[in-house]
Amino acid sequence: MADGSGLKILLVSTEVAPYIKSGGLGDVAGSLPRELKRHNVDIRVCMPKYKDINYGIIENMEPVRNLKINMGWRDMDLDVYAFDDGVKHYLLDNGYYFNRSGLYGYDDDYERFAFFAKSAVEFLFSIDFKPDIIHFNDWQTGLGPVFLNDIYRSYSFFENTKSLYTIHNLQYQGTFGGSVLGDVGLNGGYCTPDKLEYYGNISYMKGGIVYADKVSTVSGTYANEIQTPQYSYGMDGVLRRRSNDLLGIINGIDYIDNNPETDNRLYANFSWDKPEGKAVNKLMLKEMLGLSPGDMPLIGIISRMADQKGFDIISHVMEELIHKDIQIVVLGTGESRYENMFKHYAWRFKDKMSANIMFDTKLAQKIYAASDMFLMPSLFEPCGLGQMIAMRYGGVPIVRRTGGLNDTVHSYDYSTGAGNGFVFNDYDGHGMMWAINEAIHTYYNEKEHWKNIVTNCMKADFSWEKSALEYISLYKQMSGKE
């Protein structure tokens, strides 16, 4: 096992599972530090102290420091709390900014997260921890590398501290009017093309990209894609200028929480060499959801319902899809037109389709465990976790060749027996239906190949260990501790 001894890392994130999360960033910030800790990295995690954190699962939280953080024309209170769940966590609190419901979506988010990013650097003066790397994540922490380089680098405490900035989804860039600079302690000189200026505004995401020592994203394919106009949301030029410092490291999934052999949310446990329990899960879930018990392949869809996730191309071929010899179970929420579409087809085809317009983690695990196939036809997908969880539970992914889907799902080769899914290239309903038809044909007519694909899925390793080792290698390279 690679050894991260001697490395000191502070991971800065605006959400951390299981305490509070809105998406994949929270999962990463919850799981990656635990794996790094297993490899002897001195890893600490820093997050805002939101009102809605699940404080019931936090033990022994205690106040650490009370500080003042300068935000331009005023000083703001910072209260630092800490707890240790195997990894040391710091909660940074200011009641005005964070004693609110939810995480994001406020008019002063530019100020809230500038305060958090600056505090995540400055509070280190007051504790006995001098990190080699401060690892910032997504637009909310994009000003962190700016503050570190232009304000704190002159202090001897930070002279050897490097910054890593990870892009989890480039679509969300933290774009605000240039007038906000004064409110966050930066002057108008930052509103230039070589710094934070972005099409007449400023972008926190651009700040992270421009000022960080290294920039990473959550899959190798996505690292290449975001340097093209098609996937960059206007940021391709900035990213190409940083191409020598840009790399992709695929996310992992929690192999303890997502383990079909021990998961108590399932009707029956199973494994790749003892797969009988999967059929039990399928039968019981169909009974619970009112689907007919016949032996049709069950396609699972668990997703936010938005164009990015491919729901527009699903809608284009929904009538054709529902008439195949399949059943479909959907779980998620999102745009009303897609919610209504699935509810309509579930009403028309009660024995073939179940639409669950909600967020339910227990039901999600049951769907993963029951599904024969898992559909993810994304327009773009920085990493994607659903396809990895589905494979862990023996669900064969049907995906478009993009981002992390391309890095984790490989078309099945009938001649060699290699591969773990069905992949299509063009973003349209015809391409998706080709892949679905291939999967259906194999399920019904190529039983041994189907069994082999399922085994390949379940034996694949998408744990955090491989990714953690790549991060350790990067941290060592950045800090000169190779």
Protein backbone atom coordinates (compact mmCIF):
# COMPACT_ATOMS: atom_id res chain seq x y z
CA MET A 1 0.00 0.00 0.00
CA ALA A 2 1.42 3.35 -1.05
CA ASP A 3 2.37 5.46 1.91
CA GLY A 4 1.26 9.07 2.27
CA SER A 5 3.20 9.58 5.51
CA GLY A 6 4.56 13.09 5.80
CA LEU A 7 1.83 14.64 3.65
CA LYS A 8 -0.38 17.26 5.25
CA ILE A 9 -3.53 18.09 3.27
CA LEU A 10 -6.49 20.36 3.93
CA LEU A 11 -9.50 19.52 1.75
CA VAL A 12 -11.90 22.48 1.43
CA SER A 13 -15.45 21.72 0.33
CA THR A 14 -18.85 23.36 0.73
CA GLU A 15 -20.51 19.97 1.29
CA VAL A 16 -19.35 16.76 2.93
CA ALA A 17 -21.30 13.51 3.17
CA PRO A 18 -22.83 12.19 5.35
CA TYR A 19 -23.23 15.51 7.15
CA ILE A 20 -24.70 17.57 4.32
CA LYS A 21 -24.62 17.25 0.54
CA SER A 22 -26.45 18.23 -2.62
CA GLY A 23 -24.59 16.02 -5.09
CA GLY A 24 -21.40 14.23 -6.06
CA LEU A 25 -19.09 16.83 -4.51
CA GLY A 26 -20.39 15.87 -1.07
CA ASP A 27 -19.76 12.20 -1.76
CA VAL A 28 -16.17 12.89 -2.85
CA ALA A 29 -15.44 15.12 0.15
CA GLY A 30 -16.83 12.44 2.45
CA SER A 31 -15.12 9.38 0.94
CA LEU A 32 -11.75 10.51 -0.44
CA PRO A 33 -10.35 11.75 2.91
CA ARG A 34 -11.10 8.41 4.57
CA GLU A 35 -9.17 6.55 1.91
CA LEU A 36 -6.28 9.03 2.12
CA LYS A 37 -6.24 8.51 5.89
CA ARG A 38 -5.90 4.75 5.30
CA HIS A 39 -2.71 5.55 3.40
CA ASN A 40 -1.31 7.55 6.33
CA VAL A 41 -1.98 11.02 4.91
CA ASP A 42 -2.57 13.67 7.59
CA ILE A 43 -5.80 14.83 5.95
CA ARG A 44 -8.18 17.41 7.43
CA VAL A 45 -11.53 18.54 6.00
CA CYS A 46 -12.92 22.07 6.15
CA MET A 47 -16.58 23.00 5.49
CA PRO A 48 -19.12 25.70 6.42
CA LYS A 49 -21.17 25.21 9.57
CA TYR A 50 -24.61 25.26 7.95
CA LYS A 51 -27.88 25.32 9.83
CA ASP A 52 -29.02 22.10 8.11
CA ILE A 53 -26.01 19.90 8.85
CA ASN A 54 -27.01 16.55 10.35
CA TYR A 55 -25.62 17.35 13.77
CA GLY A 56 -27.21 14.21 15.22
CA ILE A 57 -24.45 12.03 13.74
CA ILE A 58 -21.59 14.29 14.88
CA GLU A 59 -19.98 13.37 18.18
CA ASN A 60 -17.75 15.49 20.39
CA MET A 61 -17.90 18.70 18.37
CA GLU A 62 -16.11 21.45 20.24
CA PRO A 63 -15.27 25.12 19.67
CA VAL A 64 -11.66 25.74 18.65
CA ARG A 65 -11.16 29.43 17.86
CA ASN A 66 -12.95 32.74 17.45
CA LEU A 67 -11.38 35.02 14.84
CA LYS A 68 -12.00 38.09 12.70
CA ILE A 69 -11.78 37.82 8.91
CA ASN A 70 -11.31 41.00 6.91
CA MET A 71 -13.74 41.30 4.00
CA GLY A 72 -12.68 44.56 2.41
CA TRP A 73 -14.37 47.33 4.32
CA ARG A 74 -15.40 45.31 7.40
CA ASP A 75 -14.29 42.52 9.69
CA MET A 76 -16.53 39.45 10.02
CA ASP A 77 -16.66 36.97 12.90
CA LEU A 78 -15.39 33.45 12.31
CA ASP A 79 -16.11 30.71 14.82
CA VAL A 80 -14.17 27.49 14.25
CA TYR A 81 -15.49 24.14 15.52
CA ALA A 82 -13.90 20.71 15.19
CA PHE A 83 -14.82 17.06 15.46
CA ASP A 84 -13.07 13.82 14.59
CA ASP A 85 -14.85 10.85 13.02
CA GLY A 86 -11.60 9.18 12.05
CA VAL A 87 -10.79 12.26 9.96
CA LYS A 88 -10.45 15.68 11.58
CA HIS A 89 -13.19 18.06 10.37
CA TYR A 90 -13.32 21.82 10.87
CA LEU A 91 -16.63 23.67 10.67
CA LEU A 92 -16.29 27.37 9.86
CA ASP A 93 -19.19 29.42 11.13
CA ASN A 94 -20.58 32.87 10.70
CA GLY A 95 -24.23 33.07 11.70
CA TYR A 96 -25.05 35.77 9.16
CA TYR A 97 -23.74 33.72 6.23
CA PHE A 98 -24.55 30.14 7.19
CA ASN A 99 -27.44 30.09 9.68
CA ARG A 100 -29.87 29.63 6.78
CA SER A 101 -31.77 26.76 5.22
CA GLY A 102 -30.09 24.88 2.39
CA LEU A 103 -26.65 25.34 0.93
CA TYR A 104 -26.79 27.49 -2.19
CA GLY A 105 -29.06 29.83 -4.10
CA TYR A 106 -28.88 33.07 -2.11
CA ASP A 107 -28.29 36.49 -3.67
CA ASP A 108 -25.16 36.96 -1.58
CA ASP A 109 -23.60 33.58 -2.38
CA TYR A 110 -20.66 35.48 -3.88
CA GLU A 111 -19.99 36.95 -0.44
CA ARG A 112 -20.78 33.84 1.62
CA PHE A 113 -18.36 31.61 -0.25
CA ALA A 114 -15.65 34.23 -0.63
CA PHE A 115 -15.75 34.48 3.16
CA PHE A 116 -15.57 30.70 3.47
CA ALA A 117 -12.68 30.38 1.00
CA LYS A 118 -10.68 33.11 2.70
CA SER A 119 -11.43 31.76 6.17
CA ALA A 120 -10.32 28.27 5.10
CA VAL A 121 -6.85 29.69 4.53
CA GLU A 122 -6.59 32.23 7.33
CA PHE A 123 -7.84 30.04 10.19
CA LEU A 124 -4.80 27.80 9.67
CA PHE A 125 -2.66 30.46 11.37
CA SER A 126 -4.51 29.73 14.61
CA ILE A 127 -4.23 25.92 14.73
CA ASP A 128 -1.28 23.60 14.80
CA PHE A 129 -1.55 22.50 11.17
CA LYS A 130 0.51 23.74 8.23
CA PRO A 131 -0.66 21.91 5.09
CA ASP A 132 1.54 21.03 2.14
CA ILE A 133 -1.52 21.28 -0.12
CA ILE A 134 -4.84 23.06 0.26
CA HIS A 135 -7.25 21.17 -1.97
CA PHE A 136 -10.09 23.46 -3.10
CA ASN A 137 -13.23 22.17 -4.84
CA ASP A 138 -15.63 23.75 -7.36
CA TRP A 139 -16.63 27.36 -7.89
CA GLN A 140 -17.60 28.05 -4.28
CA THR A 141 -13.94 27.78 -3.23
CA GLY A 142 -12.51 29.29 -6.43
CA LEU A 143 -11.24 32.40 -4.67
CA GLY A 144 -9.22 30.25 -2.26
CA PRO A 145 -6.18 29.98 -4.58
CA VAL A 146 -6.50 33.72 -5.30
CA PHE A 147 -6.34 34.61 -1.60
CA LEU A 148 -3.57 32.09 -0.94
CA ASN A 149 -1.34 33.38 -3.73
CA ASP A 150 -1.96 37.12 -3.54
CA ILE A 151 -2.55 37.72 0.16
CA TYR A 152 -1.13 34.90 2.27
CA ARG A 153 1.86 33.75 0.22
CA SER A 154 3.95 36.57 1.67
CA TYR A 155 3.68 35.02 5.14
CA SER A 156 6.41 32.48 5.94
CA PHE A 157 3.70 30.17 7.30
CA PHE A 158 2.41 29.63 3.74
CA GLU A 159 5.58 29.98 1.72
CA ASN A 160 5.64 26.25 0.88
CA THR A 161 1.88 25.63 0.73
CA LYS A 162 0.53 24.73 -2.72
CA SER A 163 -3.05 24.76 -3.98
CA LEU A 164 -4.93 22.11 -5.96
CA TYR A 165 -8.23 23.13 -7.52
CA THR A 166 -10.68 20.41 -8.57
CA ILE A 167 -13.48 21.03 -11.07
CA HIS A 168 -16.42 18.75 -10.39
CA ASN A 169 -18.78 20.33 -12.92
CA LEU A 170 -17.68 23.17 -15.18
CA GLN A 171 -21.26 24.16 -15.95
CA TYR A 172 -21.49 25.94 -12.59
CA GLN A 173 -18.89 28.70 -12.68
CA GLY A 174 -19.77 31.18 -9.95
CA THR A 175 -20.22 34.16 -12.26
CA PHE A 176 -21.03 37.56 -10.75
CA GLY A 177 -20.81 41.25 -11.66
CA GLY A 178 -17.41 42.86 -11.26
CA SER A 179 -18.85 45.19 -8.62
CA VAL A 180 -18.75 42.39 -6.03
CA LEU A 181 -14.95 42.49 -5.85
CA GLY A 182 -14.90 45.27 -3.29
CA ASP A 183 -17.30 43.33 -1.04
CA VAL A 184 -14.96 40.34 -0.89
CA GLY A 185 -11.73 42.22 -0.27
CA LEU A 186 -10.37 42.33 -3.83
CA ASN A 187 -9.82 45.42 -5.97
CA GLY A 188 -10.81 46.22 -9.54
CA GLY A 189 -7.43 45.11 -10.80
CA TYR A 190 -8.69 41.52 -10.68
CA CYS A 191 -11.33 42.26 -13.32
CA THR A 192 -8.93 41.66 -16.23
CA PRO A 193 -8.80 38.79 -18.77
CA ASP A 194 -5.66 37.28 -17.24
CA LYS A 195 -7.31 37.09 -13.80
CA LEU A 196 -11.01 36.83 -12.89
CA GLU A 197 -12.72 38.72 -15.74
CA TYR A 198 -15.15 36.50 -17.65
CA TYR A 199 -17.17 37.98 -20.53
CA GLY A 200 -17.60 41.28 -18.70
CA ASN A 201 -18.24 39.70 -15.30
CA ILE A 202 -16.00 37.81 -12.90
CA SER A 203 -15.88 34.06 -12.37
CA TYR A 204 -14.85 32.34 -9.14
CA MET A 205 -14.25 29.16 -11.16
CA LYS A 206 -11.83 31.04 -13.39
CA GLY A 207 -10.04 32.33 -10.29
CA GLY A 208 -9.39 28.78 -9.15
CA ILE A 209 -8.21 27.70 -12.60
CA VAL A 210 -5.88 30.66 -13.09
CA TYR A 211 -4.36 30.85 -9.61
CA ALA A 212 -4.08 27.23 -8.42
CA ASP A 213 -0.75 25.45 -8.73
CA LYS A 214 -2.50 22.45 -10.29
CA VAL A 215 -6.00 21.92 -11.65
CA SER A 216 -7.74 18.56 -11.65
CA THR A 217 -11.10 17.25 -12.66
CA VAL A 218 -12.97 14.04 -12.02
CA SER A 219 -12.10 11.94 -15.07
CA GLY A 220 -9.40 11.87 -17.72
CA THR A 221 -11.88 12.14 -20.59
CA TYR A 222 -13.58 15.15 -18.99
CA ALA A 223 -10.18 16.84 -18.56
CA ASN A 224 -9.79 16.64 -22.34
CA GLU A 225 -13.40 17.53 -23.14
CA ILE A 226 -13.44 20.75 -21.13
CA GLN A 227 -10.60 22.11 -23.26
CA THR A 228 -13.01 22.16 -26.24
CA PRO A 229 -15.80 24.68 -26.92
CA GLN A 230 -18.45 21.95 -26.84
CA TYR A 231 -17.97 21.13 -23.16
CA SER A 232 -16.30 24.19 -21.64
CA TYR A 233 -19.13 26.71 -21.24
CA GLY A 234 -16.73 29.34 -22.55
CA MET A 235 -13.78 28.35 -20.37
CA ASP A 236 -11.83 26.30 -22.96
CA GLY A 237 -9.22 28.99 -23.67
CA VAL A 238 -8.40 29.40 -19.98
CA LEU A 239 -8.14 25.65 -19.54
CA ARG A 240 -5.96 25.16 -22.60
CA ARG A 241 -3.54 27.73 -21.17
CA ARG A 242 -3.32 25.56 -18.05
CA SER A 243 -3.20 22.27 -19.97
CA ASN A 244 0.25 21.35 -18.65
CA ASP A 245 -1.11 21.64 -15.11
CA LEU A 246 -4.49 20.00 -15.79
CA LEU A 247 -5.24 16.33 -15.18
CA GLY A 248 -8.17 14.02 -14.51
CA ILE A 249 -8.54 11.59 -11.60
CA ILE A 250 -11.70 9.49 -11.66
CA ASN A 251 -13.86 9.47 -8.54
CA GLY A 252 -14.52 6.24 -6.67
CA ILE A 253 -17.49 4.95 -4.74
CA ASP A 254 -17.75 3.85 -1.12
CA TYR A 255 -17.29 0.07 -1.20
CA ILE A 256 -18.49 -0.36 2.36
CA ASP A 257 -21.75 1.52 1.87
CA ASN A 258 -22.28 0.04 -1.60
CA ASN A 259 -21.71 -3.67 -1.01
CA PRO A 260 -24.33 -6.12 -2.31
CA GLU A 261 -22.99 -8.79 0.05
CA THR A 262 -23.80 -6.80 3.21
CA ASP A 263 -26.21 -4.00 2.22
CA ASN A 264 -29.15 -4.20 4.66
CA ARG A 265 -31.34 -2.08 2.38
CA LEU A 266 -31.71 -5.00 -0.04
CA TYR A 267 -34.28 -7.79 -0.04
CA ALA A 268 -31.46 -10.32 -0.38
CA ASN A 269 -27.68 -10.09 -0.48
CA PHE A 270 -25.59 -11.48 -3.31
CA SER A 271 -22.16 -11.42 -4.96
CA TRP A 272 -20.65 -12.05 -8.38
CA ASP A 273 -20.01 -15.73 -7.58
CA LYS A 274 -23.30 -16.18 -5.69
CA PRO A 275 -25.68 -14.07 -7.78
CA GLU A 276 -28.97 -15.74 -6.91
CA GLY A 277 -30.03 -12.92 -4.60
CA LYS A 278 -30.20 -10.47 -7.49
CA ALA A 279 -33.22 -12.27 -8.92
CA VAL A 280 -34.89 -12.08 -5.50
CA ASN A 281 -34.33 -8.32 -5.40
CA LYS A 282 -35.78 -7.94 -8.88
CA LEU A 283 -38.91 -9.99 -8.07
CA MET A 284 -39.55 -8.26 -4.75
CA LEU A 285 -39.03 -4.75 -6.12
CA LYS A 286 -41.39 -5.39 -9.02
CA GLU A 287 -44.00 -6.70 -6.59
CA MET A 288 -43.59 -3.61 -4.39
CA LEU A 289 -43.91 -1.24 -7.37
CA GLY A 290 -46.81 -3.09 -9.02
CA LEU A 291 -44.92 -4.29 -12.11
CA SER A 292 -45.81 -7.62 -13.70
CA PRO A 293 -43.66 -10.56 -12.53
CA GLY A 294 -42.62 -11.87 -15.97
CA ASP A 295 -38.98 -12.34 -16.97
CA MET A 296 -38.31 -9.09 -18.81
CA PRO A 297 -35.10 -7.11 -18.42
CA LEU A 298 -35.57 -4.33 -15.88
CA ILE A 299 -33.99 -0.99 -16.84
CA GLY A 300 -33.20 1.32 -13.94
CA ILE A 301 -32.89 5.11 -14.19
CA ILE A 302 -31.79 7.06 -11.10
CA SER A 303 -31.01 10.67 -11.87
CA ARG A 304 -31.72 14.33 -11.70
CA MET A 305 -34.16 14.87 -14.57
CA ALA A 306 -32.46 17.43 -16.80
CA ASP A 307 -31.18 17.75 -20.35
CA GLN A 308 -27.59 17.25 -19.21
CA LYS A 309 -28.56 13.75 -18.07
CA GLY A 310 -29.98 12.81 -21.47
CA PHE A 311 -33.67 13.10 -20.70
CA ASP A 312 -34.36 15.05 -23.87
CA ILE A 313 -33.23 12.13 -26.04
CA ILE A 314 -35.13 9.69 -23.82
CA SER A 315 -38.27 11.75 -24.41
CA HIS A 316 -37.75 11.60 -28.19
CA VAL A 317 -37.92 7.78 -28.22
CA MET A 318 -40.06 7.09 -25.16
CA GLU A 319 -42.94 5.67 -27.18
CA GLU A 320 -40.62 3.28 -29.00
CA LEU A 321 -38.83 2.34 -25.78
CA ILE A 322 -41.93 1.49 -23.76
CA HIS A 323 -43.11 -0.97 -26.41
CA LYS A 324 -39.95 -3.07 -26.13
CA ASP A 325 -40.02 -6.29 -24.10
CA ILE A 326 -38.65 -4.49 -21.06
CA GLN A 327 -39.74 -2.87 -17.82
CA ILE A 328 -38.52 0.49 -16.55
CA VAL A 329 -38.21 1.88 -13.04
CA VAL A 330 -37.36 5.57 -12.62
CA LEU A 331 -36.29 7.42 -9.49
CA GLY A 332 -35.53 11.13 -9.29
CA THR A 333 -36.81 14.66 -9.57
CA GLY A 334 -36.13 17.55 -11.89
CA GLU A 335 -37.77 19.43 -14.74
CA SER A 336 -41.54 19.10 -14.63
CA ARG A 337 -41.82 18.11 -18.30
CA TYR A 338 -39.75 14.99 -17.63
CA GLU A 339 -41.44 14.22 -14.33
CA ASN A 340 -44.82 14.45 -16.09
CA MET A 341 -43.63 12.33 -19.02
CA PHE A 342 -42.66 9.45 -16.75
CA LYS A 343 -45.85 9.76 -14.70
CA HIS A 344 -47.87 9.66 -17.94
CA TYR A 345 -46.19 6.48 -19.20
CA ALA A 346 -46.42 4.86 -15.77
CA TRP A 347 -50.18 5.57 -15.87
CA ARG A 348 -50.54 4.14 -19.39
CA PHE A 349 -48.32 1.11 -18.81
CA LYS A 350 -48.79 0.23 -15.15
CA ASP A 351 -47.34 -3.27 -15.52
CA LYS A 352 -44.23 -2.08 -17.38
CA MET A 353 -43.18 1.22 -15.83
CA SER A 354 -42.82 2.69 -12.35
CA ALA A 355 -42.20 6.43 -11.93
CA ASN A 356 -40.96 7.43 -8.49
CA ILE A 357 -40.70 11.22 -8.50
CA MET A 358 -38.78 11.62 -5.27
CA PHE A 359 -35.38 11.27 -3.67
CA ASP A 360 -35.12 8.08 -1.60
CA THR A 361 -31.72 6.53 -0.90
CA LYS A 362 -33.17 3.22 0.32
CA LEU A 363 -35.28 2.83 -2.80
CA ALA A 364 -32.26 3.76 -4.90
CA GLN A 365 -30.27 0.84 -3.50
CA LYS A 366 -33.17 -1.51 -4.16
CA ILE A 367 -33.31 -0.31 -7.78
CA TYR A 368 -29.55 -0.73 -8.23
CA ALA A 369 -29.79 -4.27 -6.87
CA ALA A 370 -32.83 -5.22 -8.95
CA SER A 371 -31.99 -3.66 -12.32
CA ASP A 372 -30.59 -5.76 -15.14
CA MET A 373 -29.60 -2.63 -17.05
CA PHE A 374 -28.88 0.94 -15.97
CA LEU A 375 -29.47 3.81 -18.40
CA MET A 376 -27.25 6.94 -18.34
CA PRO A 377 -27.37 8.67 -21.78
CA SER A 378 -25.76 11.90 -20.57
CA LEU A 379 -24.95 14.86 -22.79
CA PHE A 380 -21.89 15.31 -20.59
CA GLU A 381 -20.86 13.59 -17.37
CA PRO A 382 -17.75 14.82 -15.53
CA CYS A 383 -17.47 11.53 -13.65
CA GLY A 384 -20.78 9.88 -12.85
CA LEU A 385 -21.33 7.66 -9.84
CA GLY A 386 -24.56 5.92 -10.86
CA GLN A 387 -22.91 3.69 -13.46
CA MET A 388 -20.28 2.55 -10.94
CA ILE A 389 -22.83 1.78 -8.22
CA ALA A 390 -25.03 -0.04 -10.76
CA MET A 391 -22.10 -2.25 -11.83
CA ARG A 392 -21.25 -3.00 -8.21
CA TYR A 393 -24.79 -4.44 -7.92
CA GLY A 394 -24.73 -6.30 -11.25
CA GLY A 395 -26.58 -3.73 -13.35
CA VAL A 396 -25.19 -3.46 -16.88
CA PRO A 397 -24.75 0.21 -17.87
CA ILE A 398 -26.04 1.63 -21.13
CA VAL A 399 -24.25 4.96 -21.56
CA ARG A 400 -23.07 7.58 -24.00
CA ARG A 401 -19.34 7.88 -24.62
CA THR A 402 -18.53 11.01 -22.62
CA GLY A 403 -16.57 12.07 -19.53
CA GLY A 404 -16.35 9.56 -16.72
CA LEU A 405 -18.78 7.25 -18.49
CA ASN A 406 -16.14 6.74 -21.17
CA ASP A 407 -13.48 6.07 -18.53
CA THR A 408 -15.50 3.44 -16.63
CA VAL A 409 -17.80 1.70 -19.15
CA HIS A 410 -16.36 -0.25 -22.06
CA SER A 411 -18.40 -1.85 -24.83
CA TYR A 412 -18.72 -5.60 -24.49
CA ASP A 413 -16.64 -7.58 -26.98
CA TYR A 414 -18.36 -10.86 -27.86
CA SER A 415 -15.14 -12.31 -29.31
CA THR A 416 -12.95 -11.75 -26.25
CA GLY A 417 -15.49 -11.53 -23.43
CA ALA A 418 -14.04 -8.21 -22.30
CA GLY A 419 -16.15 -5.16 -21.51
CA ASN A 420 -18.83 -4.21 -19.03
CA GLY A 421 -21.61 -2.39 -20.86
CA PHE A 422 -23.15 -0.95 -24.00
CA VAL A 423 -21.85 2.40 -25.25
CA PHE A 424 -23.14 4.71 -27.98
CA ASN A 425 -21.44 7.76 -29.45
CA ASP A 426 -23.88 10.22 -31.00
CA TYR A 427 -26.12 12.21 -28.70
CA ASP A 428 -29.47 11.27 -30.19
CA GLY A 429 -32.32 8.85 -29.61
CA HIS A 430 -31.29 6.55 -32.45
CA GLY A 431 -27.84 5.97 -30.99
CA MET A 432 -29.31 5.32 -27.57
CA MET A 433 -31.88 2.89 -28.95
CA TRP A 434 -29.14 1.01 -30.80
CA ALA A 435 -27.34 0.42 -27.50
CA ILE A 436 -30.56 -0.52 -25.69
CA ASN A 437 -31.48 -2.96 -28.47
CA GLU A 438 -28.02 -4.54 -28.26
CA ALA A 439 -28.48 -5.01 -24.52
CA ILE A 440 -31.99 -6.46 -24.91
CA HIS A 441 -30.83 -8.87 -27.62
CA THR A 442 -27.94 -10.07 -25.47
CA TYR A 443 -30.18 -10.52 -22.43
CA TYR A 444 -32.66 -12.70 -24.30
CA ASN A 445 -30.49 -14.50 -26.86
CA GLU A 446 -26.91 -14.59 -25.56
CA LYS A 447 -27.35 -15.92 -22.02
CA GLU A 448 -23.72 -16.86 -21.44
CA HIS A 449 -22.50 -13.51 -22.73
CA TRP A 450 -25.02 -11.73 -20.52
CA LYS A 451 -23.83 -13.67 -17.49
CA ASN A 452 -20.25 -12.75 -18.40
CA ILE A 453 -21.04 -9.03 -18.73
CA VAL A 454 -22.72 -9.01 -15.31
CA THR A 455 -19.71 -10.78 -13.79
CA ASN A 456 -17.34 -8.29 -15.43
CA CYS A 457 -19.39 -5.44 -13.93
CA MET A 458 -19.38 -6.85 -10.43
CA LYS A 459 -15.67 -7.75 -10.45
CA ALA A 460 -14.56 -4.31 -11.66
CA ASP A 461 -12.82 -2.16 -9.04
CA PHE A 462 -14.27 1.33 -8.65
CA SER A 463 -13.24 1.74 -5.02
CA TRP A 464 -11.52 4.89 -3.83
CA GLU A 465 -8.14 3.20 -3.39
CA LYS A 466 -6.87 3.62 -6.95
CA SER A 467 -8.01 7.25 -7.05
CA ALA A 468 -6.53 7.98 -3.63
CA LEU A 469 -3.16 6.63 -4.79
CA GLU A 470 -3.29 8.99 -7.78
CA TYR A 471 -4.04 11.92 -5.48
CA ILE A 472 -1.17 10.93 -3.19
CA SER A 473 1.18 10.83 -6.16
CA LEU A 474 -0.03 14.29 -7.25
CA TYR A 475 0.26 15.71 -3.72
CA LYS A 476 3.82 14.38 -3.44
CA GLN A 477 4.76 15.83 -6.80
CA MET A 478 3.33 19.23 -5.89
CA SER A 479 4.95 19.37 -2.48
CA GLY A 480 8.32 17.98 -3.56
CA LYS A 481 7.94 14.98 -1.27
CA GLU A 482 8.20 12.33 -3.97
